[in-house]
N, C-alpha and C. Protein backbone atom coordinates (compact mmCIF):
# COMPACT_ATOMS: atom_id res chain seq x y z
N MET A 1 -14.54 -42.98 -21.11
CA MET A 1 -14.87 -41.66 -21.64
C MET A 1 -15.18 -40.69 -20.50
N GLY A 2 -15.72 -41.21 -19.40
CA GLY A 2 -16.10 -40.36 -18.28
C GLY A 2 -14.93 -39.61 -17.68
N LYS A 3 -13.75 -40.21 -17.67
CA LYS A 3 -12.57 -39.56 -17.11
C LYS A 3 -12.03 -38.46 -18.01
N LEU A 4 -12.42 -38.48 -19.26
CA LEU A 4 -11.94 -37.48 -20.21
C LEU A 4 -12.84 -36.25 -20.26
N LYS A 5 -14.06 -36.38 -19.76
CA LYS A 5 -15.00 -35.27 -19.79
C LYS A 5 -14.72 -34.33 -18.62
N ILE A 6 -14.61 -33.03 -18.93
CA ILE A 6 -14.32 -32.03 -17.90
C ILE A 6 -15.40 -30.97 -17.89
N THR A 7 -15.48 -30.23 -16.79
CA THR A 7 -16.45 -29.14 -16.67
C THR A 7 -15.87 -27.89 -17.33
N CYS A 8 -16.71 -26.90 -17.49
CA CYS A 8 -16.25 -25.63 -18.06
C CYS A 8 -15.23 -24.97 -17.14
N GLU A 9 -15.44 -25.10 -15.84
CA GLU A 9 -14.49 -24.53 -14.88
C GLU A 9 -13.11 -25.17 -15.03
N GLU A 10 -13.09 -26.49 -15.16
CA GLU A 10 -11.83 -27.18 -15.38
C GLU A 10 -11.21 -26.78 -16.72
N ALA A 11 -12.04 -26.59 -17.71
CA ALA A 11 -11.56 -26.20 -19.04
C ALA A 11 -10.87 -24.84 -19.00
N THR A 12 -11.44 -23.89 -18.28
CA THR A 12 -10.81 -22.56 -18.22
C THR A 12 -9.48 -22.63 -17.48
N THR A 13 -9.40 -23.46 -16.46
CA THR A 13 -8.14 -23.62 -15.72
C THR A 13 -7.08 -24.23 -16.63
N ILE A 14 -7.44 -25.27 -17.34
CA ILE A 14 -6.49 -25.93 -18.25
C ILE A 14 -6.09 -24.98 -19.37
N CYS A 15 -7.04 -24.21 -19.86
CA CYS A 15 -6.77 -23.25 -20.94
C CYS A 15 -5.69 -22.26 -20.50
N THR A 16 -5.83 -21.75 -19.29
CA THR A 16 -4.86 -20.80 -18.77
C THR A 16 -3.50 -21.47 -18.58
N LYS A 17 -3.50 -22.69 -18.04
CA LYS A 17 -2.24 -23.43 -17.87
C LYS A 17 -1.57 -23.66 -19.23
N ALA A 18 -2.37 -24.00 -20.23
CA ALA A 18 -1.83 -24.29 -21.56
C ALA A 18 -1.15 -23.06 -22.16
N GLN A 19 -1.69 -21.88 -21.90
CA GLN A 19 -1.09 -20.67 -22.44
C GLN A 19 0.30 -20.42 -21.87
N TYR A 20 0.53 -20.88 -20.65
CA TYR A 20 1.82 -20.68 -20.00
C TYR A 20 2.69 -21.93 -20.03
N GLY A 21 2.29 -22.92 -20.84
CA GLY A 21 3.08 -24.12 -21.02
C GLY A 21 3.08 -25.05 -19.81
N GLU A 22 2.06 -24.95 -18.97
CA GLU A 22 2.02 -25.75 -17.74
C GLU A 22 1.03 -26.91 -17.82
N ALA A 23 0.33 -27.07 -18.93
CA ALA A 23 -0.67 -28.13 -19.05
C ALA A 23 -0.02 -29.40 -19.62
N SER A 24 -0.44 -30.52 -19.09
CA SER A 24 0.07 -31.80 -19.58
C SER A 24 -0.60 -32.16 -20.91
N PHE A 25 -0.05 -33.17 -21.56
CA PHE A 25 -0.63 -33.64 -22.81
C PHE A 25 -2.08 -34.09 -22.59
N LEU A 26 -2.31 -34.84 -21.50
CA LEU A 26 -3.66 -35.32 -21.20
C LEU A 26 -4.62 -34.16 -20.96
N ASP A 27 -4.16 -33.13 -20.24
CA ASP A 27 -5.01 -31.95 -20.00
C ASP A 27 -5.37 -31.27 -21.33
N LYS A 28 -4.40 -31.12 -22.20
CA LYS A 28 -4.66 -30.50 -23.51
C LYS A 28 -5.64 -31.33 -24.33
N PHE A 29 -5.49 -32.66 -24.24
CA PHE A 29 -6.41 -33.55 -24.95
C PHE A 29 -7.83 -33.38 -24.41
N LYS A 30 -7.98 -33.36 -23.10
CA LYS A 30 -9.30 -33.17 -22.48
C LYS A 30 -9.90 -31.83 -22.89
N LEU A 31 -9.05 -30.80 -22.91
CA LEU A 31 -9.52 -29.47 -23.28
C LEU A 31 -10.03 -29.45 -24.72
N ASN A 32 -9.26 -30.03 -25.63
CA ASN A 32 -9.70 -30.06 -27.03
C ASN A 32 -10.96 -30.88 -27.21
N LEU A 33 -11.10 -31.95 -26.45
CA LEU A 33 -12.32 -32.74 -26.49
C LEU A 33 -13.51 -31.90 -25.98
N HIS A 34 -13.27 -31.12 -24.94
CA HIS A 34 -14.32 -30.25 -24.39
C HIS A 34 -14.73 -29.19 -25.43
N PHE A 35 -13.76 -28.68 -26.18
CA PHE A 35 -14.04 -27.67 -27.20
C PHE A 35 -14.98 -28.19 -28.29
N VAL A 36 -14.98 -29.50 -28.51
CA VAL A 36 -15.83 -30.09 -29.55
C VAL A 36 -17.30 -29.77 -29.29
N TYR A 37 -17.70 -29.79 -28.02
CA TYR A 37 -19.11 -29.58 -27.70
C TYR A 37 -19.40 -28.30 -26.91
N CYS A 38 -18.39 -27.50 -26.61
CA CYS A 38 -18.64 -26.29 -25.82
C CYS A 38 -18.13 -25.05 -26.54
N LYS A 39 -19.04 -24.34 -27.19
CA LYS A 39 -18.69 -23.13 -27.93
C LYS A 39 -18.23 -22.01 -26.98
N THR A 40 -18.82 -21.95 -25.81
CA THR A 40 -18.48 -20.91 -24.85
C THR A 40 -17.01 -21.00 -24.44
N CYS A 41 -16.54 -22.20 -24.16
CA CYS A 41 -15.14 -22.38 -23.76
C CYS A 41 -14.19 -22.15 -24.93
N ARG A 42 -14.61 -22.51 -26.14
CA ARG A 42 -13.79 -22.21 -27.33
C ARG A 42 -13.62 -20.70 -27.45
N THR A 43 -14.71 -19.98 -27.26
CA THR A 43 -14.67 -18.52 -27.35
C THR A 43 -13.79 -17.94 -26.25
N PHE A 44 -13.94 -18.46 -25.02
CA PHE A 44 -13.11 -18.01 -23.90
C PHE A 44 -11.64 -18.21 -24.23
N SER A 45 -11.29 -19.36 -24.74
CA SER A 45 -9.91 -19.68 -25.05
C SER A 45 -9.34 -18.70 -26.09
N ARG A 46 -10.11 -18.44 -27.12
CA ARG A 46 -9.66 -17.52 -28.17
C ARG A 46 -9.49 -16.11 -27.61
N GLN A 47 -10.47 -15.65 -26.84
CA GLN A 47 -10.40 -14.30 -26.29
C GLN A 47 -9.28 -14.17 -25.26
N ASN A 48 -9.08 -15.20 -24.46
CA ASN A 48 -8.01 -15.19 -23.46
C ASN A 48 -6.65 -15.12 -24.14
N SER A 49 -6.51 -15.85 -25.23
CA SER A 49 -5.27 -15.84 -25.99
C SER A 49 -5.02 -14.46 -26.60
N GLU A 50 -6.05 -13.86 -27.15
CA GLU A 50 -5.92 -12.52 -27.75
C GLU A 50 -5.56 -11.49 -26.69
N LEU A 51 -6.18 -11.60 -25.52
CA LEU A 51 -5.88 -10.66 -24.43
C LEU A 51 -4.43 -10.81 -23.98
N SER A 52 -3.96 -12.04 -23.86
CA SER A 52 -2.56 -12.27 -23.48
C SER A 52 -1.61 -11.69 -24.52
N ASP A 53 -1.93 -11.85 -25.79
CA ASP A 53 -1.11 -11.29 -26.87
C ASP A 53 -1.08 -9.76 -26.79
N MET A 54 -2.22 -9.15 -26.52
CA MET A 54 -2.29 -7.69 -26.42
C MET A 54 -1.48 -7.19 -25.24
N CYS A 55 -1.53 -7.89 -24.12
CA CYS A 55 -0.74 -7.50 -22.95
C CYS A 55 0.75 -7.61 -23.24
N ALA A 56 1.14 -8.65 -23.94
CA ALA A 56 2.55 -8.82 -24.30
C ALA A 56 3.00 -7.70 -25.22
N LEU A 57 2.16 -7.31 -26.17
CA LEU A 57 2.51 -6.20 -27.07
C LEU A 57 2.63 -4.89 -26.30
N ALA A 58 1.72 -4.66 -25.36
CA ALA A 58 1.77 -3.44 -24.56
C ALA A 58 3.05 -3.39 -23.73
N LYS A 59 3.44 -4.52 -23.19
CA LYS A 59 4.66 -4.59 -22.39
C LYS A 59 5.88 -4.29 -23.26
N LYS A 60 5.93 -4.88 -24.47
CA LYS A 60 7.04 -4.62 -25.37
C LYS A 60 7.10 -3.15 -25.76
N TYR A 61 5.93 -2.55 -26.02
CA TYR A 61 5.86 -1.14 -26.39
C TYR A 61 6.40 -0.28 -25.25
N GLN A 62 5.97 -0.58 -24.04
CA GLN A 62 6.40 0.20 -22.89
C GLN A 62 7.92 0.08 -22.69
N GLU A 63 8.45 -1.12 -22.84
CA GLU A 63 9.89 -1.31 -22.68
C GLU A 63 10.66 -0.58 -23.78
N LYS A 64 10.12 -0.58 -24.98
CA LYS A 64 10.81 0.06 -26.11
C LYS A 64 10.79 1.59 -25.97
N HIS A 65 9.66 2.14 -25.54
CA HIS A 65 9.51 3.59 -25.51
C HIS A 65 9.75 4.21 -24.14
N LYS A 66 10.04 3.39 -23.16
CA LYS A 66 10.33 3.89 -21.82
C LYS A 66 9.28 4.90 -21.36
N CYS A 67 8.05 4.45 -21.29
CA CYS A 67 6.91 5.30 -20.94
C CYS A 67 6.88 5.57 -19.43
N CYS A 68 7.90 6.19 -18.96
CA CYS A 68 7.98 6.49 -17.53
C CYS A 68 8.37 7.95 -17.34
N LEU A 69 8.01 8.49 -16.19
CA LEU A 69 8.42 9.86 -15.88
C LEU A 69 9.90 9.87 -15.51
N SER A 70 10.56 10.93 -15.91
CA SER A 70 11.96 11.09 -15.52
C SER A 70 12.01 11.46 -14.04
N GLU A 71 13.18 11.37 -13.44
CA GLU A 71 13.32 11.72 -12.03
C GLU A 71 12.96 13.19 -11.80
N ALA A 72 13.34 14.05 -12.73
CA ALA A 72 13.03 15.48 -12.62
C ALA A 72 11.51 15.70 -12.65
N ASP A 73 10.83 14.99 -13.55
CA ASP A 73 9.37 15.11 -13.63
C ASP A 73 8.70 14.61 -12.35
N LYS A 74 9.22 13.50 -11.80
CA LYS A 74 8.67 12.97 -10.55
C LYS A 74 8.82 13.98 -9.42
N LYS A 75 9.99 14.60 -9.35
CA LYS A 75 10.25 15.60 -8.31
C LYS A 75 9.31 16.79 -8.47
N ALA A 76 9.11 17.24 -9.71
CA ALA A 76 8.20 18.36 -9.97
C ALA A 76 6.77 18.02 -9.55
N TRP A 77 6.33 16.82 -9.86
CA TRP A 77 4.98 16.38 -9.47
C TRP A 77 4.83 16.36 -7.96
N LYS A 78 5.84 15.85 -7.26
CA LYS A 78 5.79 15.78 -5.80
C LYS A 78 5.69 17.18 -5.21
N GLU A 79 6.45 18.12 -5.75
CA GLU A 79 6.42 19.50 -5.27
C GLU A 79 5.04 20.12 -5.50
N LYS A 80 4.46 19.88 -6.66
CA LYS A 80 3.12 20.41 -6.96
C LYS A 80 2.08 19.80 -6.03
N MET A 81 2.22 18.53 -5.72
CA MET A 81 1.27 17.88 -4.82
C MET A 81 1.37 18.45 -3.41
N LYS A 82 2.61 18.74 -2.97
CA LYS A 82 2.81 19.34 -1.64
C LYS A 82 2.16 20.71 -1.59
N GLU A 83 2.27 21.48 -2.68
CA GLU A 83 1.67 22.82 -2.73
C GLU A 83 0.15 22.72 -2.64
N LEU A 84 -0.42 21.73 -3.30
CA LEU A 84 -1.87 21.56 -3.29
C LEU A 84 -2.38 21.13 -1.91
N GLU A 85 -1.55 20.43 -1.15
CA GLU A 85 -1.95 19.99 0.18
C GLU A 85 -2.05 21.13 1.17
N LYS A 86 -1.36 22.22 0.91
CA LYS A 86 -1.35 23.37 1.84
C LYS A 86 -2.63 24.11 1.87
């Protein structure tokens, strides 16, 4: 049982690996065992997952709506900045 018990620091590392599909079966097992007795790490895992989902949604929104300045707008901004430097 001693080899299956992990610290909170190890749990957060495994949690992050698991979100990106890089955690082994044994790591996931250890993590879930840790969650049984550690509410803080369970909360971290849930919040980390929600944050990752929100970032993914923001990225999709940005790609869909092309939230970038056009080349003409960039040029206009550069010219205004040069004027302000004078």
